C-alpha atoms as a PDB file:
ATOM      1  CA  MET A   1       0.000   0.000   0.000  1.00  0.00           C
ATOM      2  CA  GLU A   2       2.987   2.271   0.546  1.00  0.00           C
ATOM      3  CA  GLN A   3       3.570   2.064  -3.194  1.00  0.00           C
ATOM      4  CA  LYS A   4      -0.121   2.609  -4.041  1.00  0.00           C
ATOM      5  CA  ALA A   5      -0.260   5.731  -1.886  1.00  0.00           C
ATOM      6  CA  ARG A   6       3.171   6.756  -3.191  1.00  0.00           C
ATOM      7  CA  PHE A   7       4.235   7.431   0.386  1.00  0.00           C
ATOM      8  CA  PHE A   8       7.860   8.535   0.393  1.00  0.00           C
ATOM      9  CA  VAL A   9      10.179   9.704   3.172  1.00  0.00           C
ATOM     10  CA  ASP A  10      13.345  11.607   2.387  1.00  0.00           C
ATOM     11  CA  GLU A  11      15.722  10.014   4.908  1.00  0.00           C
ATOM     12  CA  ARG A  12      18.141  12.947   4.561  1.00  0.00           C
ATOM     13  CA  LYS A  13      15.514  15.344   5.925  1.00  0.00           C
ATOM     14  CA  CYS A  14      13.503  13.216   8.368  1.00  0.00           C
ATOM     15  CA  ILE A  15      14.408  13.813  12.025  1.00  0.00           C
ATOM     16  CA  GLY A  16      12.250  10.980  13.377  1.00  0.00           C
ATOM     17  CA  CYS A  17       9.942  13.234  15.404  1.00  0.00           C
ATOM     18  CA  GLY A  18       6.906  10.982  14.791  1.00  0.00           C
ATOM     19  CA  LYS A  19       4.423  13.841  14.266  1.00  0.00           C
ATOM     20  CA  CYS A  20       3.193  12.229  11.055  1.00  0.00           C
ATOM     21  CA  VAL A  21       2.290   9.061  12.968  1.00  0.00           C
ATOM     22  CA  LYS A  22       0.449  11.012  15.659  1.00  0.00           C
ATOM     23  CA  VAL A  23      -1.764  12.904  13.175  1.00  0.00           C
ATOM     24  CA  CYS A  24      -2.447  10.029  10.758  1.00  0.00           C
ATOM     25  CA  SER A  25      -6.257   9.906  10.473  1.00  0.00           C
ATOM     26  CA  GLY A  26      -6.267   6.322   9.220  1.00  0.00           C
ATOM     27  CA  MET A  27      -3.643   5.167  11.760  1.00  0.00           C
ATOM     28  CA  VAL A  28      -1.647   3.478   9.016  1.00  0.00           C
ATOM     29  CA  LEU A  29       1.726   5.061   9.773  1.00  0.00           C
ATOM     30  CA  GLU A  30       4.236   3.679  12.250  1.00  0.00           C
ATOM     31  CA  MET A  31       7.842   4.387  13.217  1.00  0.00           C
ATOM     32  CA  GLU A  32      10.338   1.759  12.236  1.00  0.00           C
ATOM     33  CA  GLU A  33      14.045   2.203  12.907  1.00  0.00           C
ATOM     34  CA  GLY A  34      13.511   5.926  13.412  1.00  0.00           C
ATOM     35  CA  LEU A  35      11.604   6.505  10.184  1.00  0.00           C
ATOM     36  CA  PRO A  36       7.857   6.522   9.410  1.00  0.00           C
ATOM     37  CA  HIS A  37       6.475   3.704   7.280  1.00  0.00           C
ATOM     38  CA  MET A  38       3.021   2.953   5.961  1.00  0.00           C
ATOM     39  CA  LYS A  39       1.430  -0.257   7.213  1.00  0.00           C
ATOM     40  CA  SER A  40      -0.538  -2.543   4.950  1.00  0.00           C
ATOM     41  CA  PHE A  41      -4.260  -1.743   4.807  1.00  0.00           C
ATOM     42  CA  GLU A  42      -7.361  -3.079   3.075  1.00  0.00           C
ATOM     43  CA  ARG A  43      -8.421  -0.055   1.056  1.00  0.00           C
ATOM     44  CA  PHE A  44      -8.507   3.722   1.138  1.00  0.00           C
ATOM     45  CA  GLY A  45     -11.073   5.261   3.464  1.00  0.00           C
ATOM     46  CA  TRP A  46     -12.204   3.964   6.827  1.00  0.00           C
ATOM     47  CA  ARG A  47     -10.203   0.745   6.346  1.00  0.00           C
ATOM     48  CA  GLY A  48      -6.919   2.441   5.599  1.00  0.00           C
ATOM     49  CA  CYS A  49      -5.343   5.686   4.444  1.00  0.00           C
ATOM     50  CA  TRP A  50      -7.841   8.559   4.390  1.00  0.00           C
ATOM     51  CA  ARG A  51      -5.905  10.436   1.689  1.00  0.00           C
ATOM     52  CA  CYS A  52      -5.952  13.472   3.992  1.00  0.00           C
ATOM     53  CA  GLN A  53      -2.281  14.404   3.436  1.00  0.00           C
ATOM     54  CA  HIS A  54      -1.885  15.286   7.124  1.00  0.00           C
ATOM     55  CA  CYS A  55       1.504  13.561   7.094  1.00  0.00           C
ATOM     56  CA  LEU A  56       2.754  15.832   4.323  1.00  0.00           C
ATOM     57  CA  ALA A  57       1.342  18.954   5.982  1.00  0.00           C
ATOM     58  CA  VAL A  58       2.664  18.345   9.514  1.00  0.00           C
ATOM     59  CA  CYS A  59       6.272  17.566   8.613  1.00  0.00           C
ATOM     60  CA  SER A  60       8.362  20.602   9.572  1.00  0.00           C
ATOM     61  CA  GLN A  61      11.329  19.287   7.573  1.00  0.00           C
ATOM     62  CA  GLY A  62       9.454  18.718   4.325  1.00  0.00           C
ATOM     63  CA  ALA A  63      10.556  15.093   4.328  1.00  0.00           C
ATOM     64  CA  ILE A  64       7.258  13.440   3.369  1.00  0.00           C
ATOM     65  CA  SER A  65       5.586  13.136  -0.017  1.00  0.00           C
ATOM     66  CA  ILE A  66       2.371  11.246  -0.758  1.00  0.00           C
ATOM     67  CA  PHE A  67       0.252  10.636  -3.861  1.00  0.00           C
ATOM     68  CA  GLY A  68       2.933  12.394  -5.881  1.00  0.00           C
ATOM     69  CA  LYS A  69       2.414  15.617  -3.916  1.00  0.00           C
ATOM     70  CA  ARG A  70       5.671  17.221  -2.818  1.00  0.00           C
ATOM     71  CA  PRO A  71       5.867  19.473   0.265  1.00  0.00           C
ATOM     72  CA  GLU A  72       7.543  22.316  -1.607  1.00  0.00           C
ATOM     73  CA  GLN A  73       4.451  22.587  -3.818  1.00  0.00           C
ATOM     74  CA  SER A  74       2.105  23.236  -0.885  1.00  0.00           C
ATOM     75  CA  LEU A  75       0.972  26.744   0.000  1.00  0.00           C
ATOM     76  CA  PRO A  76       2.589  28.203   3.137  1.00  0.00           C
ATOM     77  CA  LEU A  77       0.480  28.782   6.251  1.00  0.00           C
ATOM     78  CA  PRO A  78      -1.118  32.248   6.573  1.00  0.00           C
ATOM     79  CA  ASP A  79       0.394  34.758   8.969  1.00  0.00           C
ATOM     80  CA  ALA A  80      -1.299  35.941  12.150  1.00  0.00           C
ATOM     81  CA  THR A  81      -2.952  38.946  10.472  1.00  0.00           C
ATOM     82  CA  LEU A  82      -5.298  36.675   8.539  1.00  0.00           C
ATOM     83  CA  GLY A  83      -7.608  36.489  11.549  1.00  0.00           C
ATOM     84  CA  GLN A  84      -8.298  40.213  11.294  1.00  0.00           C
ATOM     85  CA  GLN A  85      -9.089  39.862   7.603  1.00  0.00           C
ATOM     86  CA  ILE A  86     -11.464  36.975   8.310  1.00  0.00           C
ATOM     87  CA  ASP A  87     -13.218  39.153  10.903  1.00  0.00           C
ATOM     88  CA  ARG A  88     -13.784  41.793   8.228  1.00  0.00           C
ATOM     89  CA  LEU A  89     -14.829  39.252   5.626  1.00  0.00           C
ATOM     90  CA  VAL A  90     -17.502  37.656   7.808  1.00  0.00           C
ATOM     91  CA  ALA A  91     -18.852  41.050   8.898  1.00  0.00           C
ATOM     92  CA  SER A  92     -19.007  42.414   5.345  1.00  0.00           C
ATOM     93  CA  ARG A  93     -20.287  39.452   3.315  1.00  0.00           C
ATOM     94  CA  ARG A  94     -24.001  39.604   2.536  1.00  0.00           C
ATOM     95  CA  SER A  95     -26.590  38.350   0.103  1.00  0.00           C
ATOM     96  CA  CYS A  96     -26.197  40.177  -3.189  1.00  0.00           C
ATOM     97  CA  ARG A  97     -29.394  40.575  -5.211  1.00  0.00           C
ATOM     98  CA  ARG A  98     -28.205  42.894  -7.950  1.00  0.00           C
ATOM     99  CA  TYR A  99     -25.398  41.937 -10.334  1.00  0.00           C
ATOM    100  CA  ILE A 100     -23.571  43.243 -13.370  1.00  0.00           C
ATOM    101  CA  ASP A 101     -24.526  41.172 -16.406  1.00  0.00           C
ATOM    102  CA  GLN A 102     -20.954  40.093 -17.081  1.00  0.00           C
ATOM    103  CA  ASN A 103     -18.893  36.913 -16.933  1.00  0.00           C
ATOM    104  CA  VAL A 104     -16.412  36.586 -14.080  1.00  0.00           C
ATOM    105  CA  GLU A 105     -12.870  36.701 -15.387  1.00  0.00           C
ATOM    106  CA  ARG A 106     -11.677  33.199 -16.278  1.00  0.00           C
ATOM    107  CA  SER A 107      -8.443  33.375 -14.273  1.00  0.00           C
ATOM    108  CA  LEU A 108     -10.361  34.378 -11.127  1.00  0.00           C
ATOM    109  CA  MET A 109     -12.897  31.603 -11.715  1.00  0.00           C
ATOM    110  CA  ASP A 110     -10.087  29.061 -12.027  1.00  0.00           C
ATOM    111  CA  THR A 111      -8.491  30.292  -8.795  1.00  0.00           C
ATOM    112  CA  ILE A 112     -11.741  29.963  -6.847  1.00  0.00           C
ATOM    113  CA  LEU A 113     -12.429  26.470  -8.168  1.00  0.00           C
ATOM    114  CA  GLN A 114      -8.850  25.448  -7.361  1.00  0.00           C
ATOM    115  CA  ASP A 115      -9.448  26.581  -3.778  1.00  0.00           C
ATOM    116  CA  MET A 116     -12.539  24.373  -3.638  1.00  0.00           C
ATOM    117  CA  ASN A 117     -10.338  21.279  -4.012  1.00  0.00           C
ATOM    118  CA  ASN A 118      -9.481  21.656  -0.332  1.00  0.00           C
ATOM    119  CA  VAL A 119     -13.028  21.788   1.053  1.00  0.00           C
ATOM    120  CA  PRO A 120     -13.450  19.298   3.957  1.00  0.00           C
ATOM    121  CA  THR A 121     -15.785  16.310   3.676  1.00  0.00           C
ATOM    122  CA  GLY A 122     -17.009  13.702   6.139  1.00  0.00           C
ATOM    123  CA  GLY A 123     -14.363  11.035   6.641  1.00  0.00           C
ATOM    124  CA  ASN A 124     -12.386  12.810   3.919  1.00  0.00           C
ATOM    125  CA  ALA A 125     -14.410  10.702   1.480  1.00  0.00           C
ATOM    126  CA  GLN A 126     -14.205  13.458  -1.143  1.00  0.00           C
ATOM    127  CA  GLY A 127     -17.422  12.417  -2.854  1.00  0.00           C
ATOM    128  CA  LEU A 128     -18.439  16.013  -3.529  1.00  0.00           C
ATOM    129  CA  GLU A 129     -19.088  17.137  -7.071  1.00  0.00           C
ATOM    130  CA  PHE A 130     -19.425  20.716  -8.281  1.00  0.00           C
ATOM    131  CA  THR A 131     -21.503  21.969 -11.174  1.00  0.00           C
ATOM    132  CA  VAL A 132     -20.765  25.540 -12.218  1.00  0.00           C
ATOM    133  CA  ILE A 133     -22.389  27.845 -14.722  1.00  0.00           C
ATOM    134  CA  ASP A 134     -19.848  30.591 -15.371  1.00  0.00           C
ATOM    135  CA  ASP A 135     -21.285  31.841 -18.644  1.00  0.00           C
ATOM    136  CA  VAL A 136     -24.033  34.471 -18.761  1.00  0.00           C
ATOM    137  CA  ASP A 137     -25.727  32.962 -21.818  1.00  0.00           C
ATOM    138  CA  ALA A 138     -25.814  29.467 -20.301  1.00  0.00           C
ATOM    139  CA  MET A 139     -27.226  30.930 -17.093  1.00  0.00           C
ATOM    140  CA  TYR A 140     -29.989  32.639 -19.055  1.00  0.00           C
ATOM    141  CA  ARG A 141     -30.989  29.345 -20.658  1.00  0.00           C
ATOM    142  CA  LEU A 142     -31.289  27.710 -17.232  1.00  0.00           C
ATOM    143  CA  TRP A 143     -33.206  30.704 -15.872  1.00  0.00           C
ATOM    144  CA  GLU A 144     -35.651  30.616 -18.760  1.00  0.00           C
ATOM    145  CA  VAL A 145     -36.504  26.944 -18.230  1.00  0.00           C
ATOM    146  CA  ALA A 146     -36.622  27.099 -14.412  1.00  0.00           C
ATOM    147  CA  TYR A 147     -38.539  30.382 -14.230  1.00  0.00           C
ATOM    148  CA  LYS A 148     -41.211  29.305 -16.694  1.00  0.00           C
ATOM    149  CA  GLY A 149     -41.590  26.021 -14.824  1.00  0.00           C
ATOM    150  CA  MET A 150     -41.904  27.880 -11.513  1.00  0.00           C
ATOM    151  CA  GLU A 151     -44.632  30.159 -12.899  1.00  0.00           C
ATOM    152  CA  ALA A 152     -46.513  27.261 -14.458  1.00  0.00           C
ATOM    153  CA  ASN A 153     -46.522  25.425 -11.124  1.00  0.00           C
ATOM    154  CA  ALA A 154     -47.662  28.567  -9.276  1.00  0.00           C
ATOM    155  CA  ARG A 155     -50.605  29.042 -11.654  1.00  0.00           C
ATOM    156  CA  ARG A 156     -51.903  25.624 -10.710  1.00  0.00           C
ATOM    157  CA  GLY A 157     -51.400  26.351  -7.020  1.00  0.00           C
ATOM    158  CA  TYR A 158     -48.198  24.389  -6.473  1.00  0.00           C
ATOM    159  CA  PHE A 159     -45.220  26.039  -4.759  1.00  0.00           C
ATOM    160  CA  SER A 160     -41.802  24.480  -4.292  1.00  0.00           C
ATOM    161  CA  ALA A 161     -40.484  23.788  -0.793  1.00  0.00           C
ATOM    162  CA  GLY A 162     -39.971  26.909   1.275  1.00  0.00           C
ATOM    163  CA  MET A 163     -42.638  28.918  -0.518  1.00  0.00           C
ATOM    164  CA  ASN A 164     -46.373  29.620  -0.251  1.00  0.00           C
ATOM    165  CA  LEU A 165     -48.827  31.922  -2.031  1.00  0.00           C
ATOM    166  CA  ARG A 166     -48.311  34.894   0.290  1.00  0.00           C
ATOM    167  CA  MET A 167     -44.510  34.679   0.133  1.00  0.00           C
ATOM    168  CA  TYR A 168     -44.646  34.121  -3.624  1.00  0.00           C
ATOM    169  CA  ASP A 169     -46.617  37.357  -4.079  1.00  0.00           C
ATOM    170  CA  ILE A 170     -44.104  39.261  -1.938  1.00  0.00           C
ATOM    171  CA  MET A 171     -41.196  37.842  -3.939  1.00  0.00           C
ATOM    172  CA  LYS A 172     -42.939  38.806  -7.169  1.00  0.00           C
ATOM    173  CA  ARG A 173     -43.263  42.387  -5.966  1.00  0.00           C
ATOM    174  CA  SER A 174     -39.578  42.420  -5.048  1.00  0.00           C
ATOM    175  CA  GLU A 175     -38.720  42.015  -8.734  1.00  0.00           C
ATOM    176  CA  GLU A 176     -39.664  45.653  -9.343  1.00  0.00           C
ATOM    177  CA  GLU A 177     -36.699  47.099  -7.438  1.00  0.00           C
ATOM    178  CA  LEU A 178     -34.703  44.604  -5.407  1.00  0.00           C
ATOM    179  CA  ARG A 179     -34.276  41.579  -7.666  1.00  0.00           C
ATOM    180  CA  LYS A 180     -34.138  43.006 -11.186  1.00  0.00           C
ATOM    181  CA  ASP A 181     -37.050  41.027 -12.652  1.00  0.00           C
ATOM    182  CA  ASP A 182     -35.756  37.771 -11.216  1.00  0.00           C
ATOM    183  CA  MET A 183     -37.175  36.489  -7.930  1.00  0.00           C
ATOM    184  CA  LEU A 184     -35.670  33.062  -8.592  1.00  0.00           C
ATOM    185  CA  PHE A 185     -31.911  33.624  -9.028  1.00  0.00           C
ATOM    186  CA  CYS A 186     -31.792  37.327  -8.073  1.00  0.00           C
ATOM    187  CA  GLY A 187     -30.309  38.112 -11.482  1.00  0.00           C
ATOM    188  CA  ALA A 188     -27.090  36.245 -10.664  1.00  0.00           C
ATOM    189  CA  PRO A 189     -25.091  35.717 -13.876  1.00  0.00           C
ATOM    190  CA  HIS A 190     -23.452  32.540 -12.550  1.00  0.00           C
ATOM    191  CA  LEU A 191     -24.393  29.528 -10.463  1.00  0.00           C
ATOM    192  CA  PHE A 192     -22.519  27.097  -8.214  1.00  0.00           C
ATOM    193  CA  VAL A 193     -24.064  23.788  -7.140  1.00  0.00           C
ATOM    194  CA  ALA A 194     -22.436  21.373  -4.704  1.00  0.00           C
ATOM    195  CA  HIS A 195     -23.988  17.917  -5.006  1.00  0.00           C
ATOM    196  CA  GLN A 196     -23.184  14.429  -3.827  1.00  0.00           C
ATOM    197  CA  LYS A 197     -24.606  10.932  -4.041  1.00  0.00           C
ATOM    198  CA  ALA A 198     -26.953  10.533  -1.082  1.00  0.00           C
ATOM    199  CA  VAL A 199     -27.921   6.928  -0.461  1.00  0.00           C
ATOM    200  CA  GLY A 200     -27.941   4.621   2.554  1.00  0.00           C
ATOM    201  CA  GLN A 201     -25.878   5.372   5.619  1.00  0.00           C
ATOM    202  CA  TRP A 202     -23.946   8.139   3.853  1.00  0.00           C
ATOM    203  CA  ALA A 203     -26.982  10.288   3.003  1.00  0.00           C
ATOM    204  CA  ALA A 204     -26.508  12.518   6.043  1.00  0.00           C
ATOM    205  CA  ASP A 205     -22.866  13.078   5.112  1.00  0.00           C
ATOM    206  CA  ALA A 206     -23.951  14.276   1.671  1.00  0.00           C
ATOM    207  CA  VAL A 207     -26.193  16.927   3.201  1.00  0.00           C
ATOM    208  CA  ALA A 208     -23.450  18.199   5.514  1.00  0.00           C
ATOM    209  CA  ASP A 209     -20.736  18.066   2.848  1.00  0.00           C
ATOM    210  CA  CYS A 210     -22.770  20.028   0.295  1.00  0.00           C
ATOM    211  CA  ASN A 211     -23.805  22.689   2.777  1.00  0.00           C
ATOM    212  CA  ILE A 212     -20.246  23.125   4.057  1.00  0.00           C
ATOM    213  CA  ALA A 213     -18.956  23.392   0.481  1.00  0.00           C
ATOM    214  CA  SER A 214     -21.561  26.050  -0.339  1.00  0.00           C
ATOM    215  CA  ALA A 215     -20.497  28.086   2.691  1.00  0.00           C
ATOM    216  CA  TYR A 216     -16.824  27.797   1.733  1.00  0.00           C
ATOM    217  CA  PHE A 217     -17.576  28.821  -1.852  1.00  0.00           C
ATOM    218  CA  GLU A 218     -19.530  31.869  -0.713  1.00  0.00           C
ATOM    219  CA  LEU A 219     -16.748  33.108   1.550  1.00  0.00           C
ATOM    220  CA  ILE A 220     -14.050  32.509  -1.064  1.00  0.00           C
ATOM    221  CA  CYS A 221     -16.068  34.463  -3.644  1.00  0.00           C
ATOM    222  CA  ASN A 222     -16.574  37.356  -1.218  1.00  0.00           C
ATOM    223  CA  ALA A 223     -12.871  37.334  -0.384  1.00  0.00           C
ATOM    224  CA  HIS A 224     -12.208  37.976  -4.091  1.00  0.00           C
ATOM    225  CA  GLY A 225     -14.714  40.815  -4.308  1.00  0.00           C
ATOM    226  CA  LEU A 226     -17.599  38.898  -5.859  1.00  0.00           C
ATOM    227  CA  GLY A 227     -21.212  39.080  -4.716  1.00  0.00           C
ATOM    228  CA  THR A 228     -23.063  35.912  -3.702  1.00  0.00           C
ATOM    229  CA  VAL A 229     -26.524  34.756  -2.732  1.00  0.00           C
ATOM    230  CA  MET A 230     -27.251  31.374  -1.154  1.00  0.00           C
ATOM    231  CA  MET A 231     -30.573  29.996  -2.370  1.00  0.00           C
ATOM    232  CA  SER A 232     -32.588  27.057  -1.105  1.00  0.00           C
ATOM    233  CA  TYR A 233     -35.863  27.983  -2.830  1.00  0.00           C
ATOM    234  CA  ALA A 234     -34.170  28.112  -6.237  1.00  0.00           C
ATOM    235  CA  ALA A 235     -32.748  24.666  -5.550  1.00  0.00           C
ATOM    236  CA  SER A 236     -36.267  23.412  -4.766  1.00  0.00           C
ATOM    237  CA  VAL A 237     -37.571  24.862  -8.035  1.00  0.00           C
ATOM    238  CA  ILE A 238     -34.837  23.097  -9.989  1.00  0.00           C
ATOM    239  CA  GLN A 239     -35.831  19.874  -8.236  1.00  0.00           C
ATOM    240  CA  ASP A 240     -39.466  20.423  -9.317  1.00  0.00           C
ATOM    241  CA  VAL A 241     -38.681  21.372 -12.920  1.00  0.00           C
ATOM    242  CA  PRO A 242     -37.125  18.249 -14.484  1.00  0.00           C
ATOM    243  CA  GLN A 243     -35.904  20.088 -17.577  1.00  0.00           C
ATOM    244  CA  ALA A 244     -33.886  22.470 -15.391  1.00  0.00           C
ATOM    245  CA  ARG A 245     -32.188  19.673 -13.477  1.00  0.00           C
ATOM    246  CA  GLN A 246     -31.461  17.912 -16.761  1.00  0.00           C
ATOM    247  CA  LEU A 247     -29.786  21.053 -18.082  1.00  0.00           C
ATOM    248  CA  LEU A 248     -27.477  21.009 -15.060  1.00  0.00           C
ATOM    249  CA  GLY A 249     -26.817  17.295 -15.521  1.00  0.00           C
ATOM    250  CA  ILE A 250     -27.137  16.496 -11.815  1.00  0.00           C
ATOM    251  CA  PRO A 251     -27.943  12.790 -11.184  1.00  0.00           C
ATOM    252  CA  GLU A 252     -31.261  11.962  -9.535  1.00  0.00           C
ATOM    253  CA  ASP A 253     -29.607  10.239  -6.559  1.00  0.00           C
ATOM    254  CA  HIS A 254     -27.520  13.319  -5.686  1.00  0.00           C
ATOM    255  CA  TYR A 255     -28.426  15.671  -2.857  1.00  0.00           C
ATOM    256  CA  MET A 256     -28.658  19.320  -3.905  1.00  0.00           C
ATOM    257  CA  GLY A 257     -30.029  21.482  -1.091  1.00  0.00           C
ATOM    258  CA  ILE A 258     -28.408  24.894  -1.456  1.00  0.00           C
ATOM    259  CA  ILE A 259     -27.150  26.612  -4.579  1.00  0.00           C
ATOM    260  CA  VAL A 260     -25.072  29.786  -4.772  1.00  0.00           C
ATOM    261  CA  GLY A 261     -25.601  32.574  -7.281  1.00  0.00           C
ATOM    262  CA  PHE A 262     -22.539  34.750  -7.818  1.00  0.00           C
ATOM    263  CA  GLY A 263     -20.964  37.421  -9.987  1.00  0.00           C
ATOM    264  CA  TYR A 264     -19.729  40.994  -9.963  1.00  0.00           C
ATOM    265  CA  PRO A 265     -22.009  43.070  -7.699  1.00  0.00           C
ATOM    266  CA  GLU A 266     -23.832  46.039  -9.178  1.00  0.00           C
ATOM    267  CA  ILE A 267     -23.869  47.903  -5.852  1.00  0.00           C
ATOM    268  CA  LYS A 268     -20.852  47.999  -3.552  1.00  0.00           C
ATOM    269  CA  TYR A 269     -21.252  48.406   0.193  1.00  0.00           C
ATOM    270  CA  ALA A 270     -19.206  50.858   2.259  1.00  0.00           C
ATOM    271  CA  ARG A 271     -18.849  48.906   5.506  1.00  0.00           C
ATOM    272  CA  GLY A 272     -19.739  45.787   7.453  1.00  0.00           C
ATOM    273  CA  VAL A 273     -22.819  45.396   9.631  1.00  0.00           C
ATOM    274  CA  GLN A 274     -23.090  45.167  13.434  1.00  0.00           C
ATOM    275  CA  LYS A 275     -25.260  42.175  14.226  1.00  0.00           C
ATOM    276  CA  ASP A 276     -25.533  41.065  17.830  1.00  0.00           C
ATOM    277  CA  ARG A 277     -26.376  37.466  18.682  1.00  0.00           C
ATOM    278  CA  SER A 278     -25.037  37.569  22.231  1.00  0.00           C
ATOM    279  CA  ALA A 279     -28.475  36.643  23.613  1.00  0.00           C
ATOM    280  CA  LYS A 280     -28.313  33.429  21.586  1.00  0.00           C
ATOM    281  CA  LEU A 281     -24.778  32.505  22.575  1.00  0.00           C
ATOM    282  CA  HIS A 282     -24.618  29.674  25.102  1.00  0.00           C
ATOM    283  CA  ARG A 283     -21.352  28.820  26.831  1.00  0.00           C
ATOM    284  CA  TYR A 284     -21.239  25.552  28.718  1.00  0.00           C
ATOM    285  CA  THR A 285     -20.055  25.673  32.302  1.00  0.00           C
ATOM    286  CA  ASP A 286     -20.096  23.107  35.097  1.00  0.00           C
ATOM    287  CA  LYS A 287     -20.752  25.825  37.648  1.00  0.00           C
ATOM    288  CA  HIS A 288     -24.310  25.898  38.958  1.00  0.00           C
END
């Protein structure tokens, strides 16, 4: 299995500290004559190596390579000032409901999708799949099919999950100013969908993995100056309009609970907000 995982230790660099053994998620590493080795295992996943690359990441000497990944190719850790930037990012990100009708620059799109390779998943199973519409014309075709299907369903009194007649009427009125004639996707020129096979005992993992990925994608987009809107109702409409789901090519057995619209924002904000959830913060203590 050492060969299958392409686990390699540079003996000239290794100092035998054993950190890689201590952080190995699959517990398949062991020290032998002062050097780490990979034990035999049945298969990748819960019965062996988790493919997490913790061994590569923890080695201070850069002595470990795995799956053909070399330590010198990894990104360095962020400095301490990143925390302040994250504070600003979380306080300033918001749902964007007005966009410029323009494609996101290809190089930026590639950078964001590259970042998404590192999104965490349950058991590091990495079953997540991403479907992205990063072309305005393709997005319009999806909108046309989904929107017409939504209206047809509403006329016969059927509303997708998360909606009712009263809310539908309010959303319709919001098209006049807030949503630029699009209550469904808020005029977003692009769409990101995280989806994963959801069957049997792993169905719950699919839900968590997709929702976590959507949250990561939204923050990464905002960090690069893009606007985003997380949409559960739009996802429900796509579920209820077969032609729309077919356009996206998402398999029927895949969970798809939240989708993210994104693009260049039409209106830029000047500052973050000042929300206060202190009344809903609960800290455990054993003092009574």
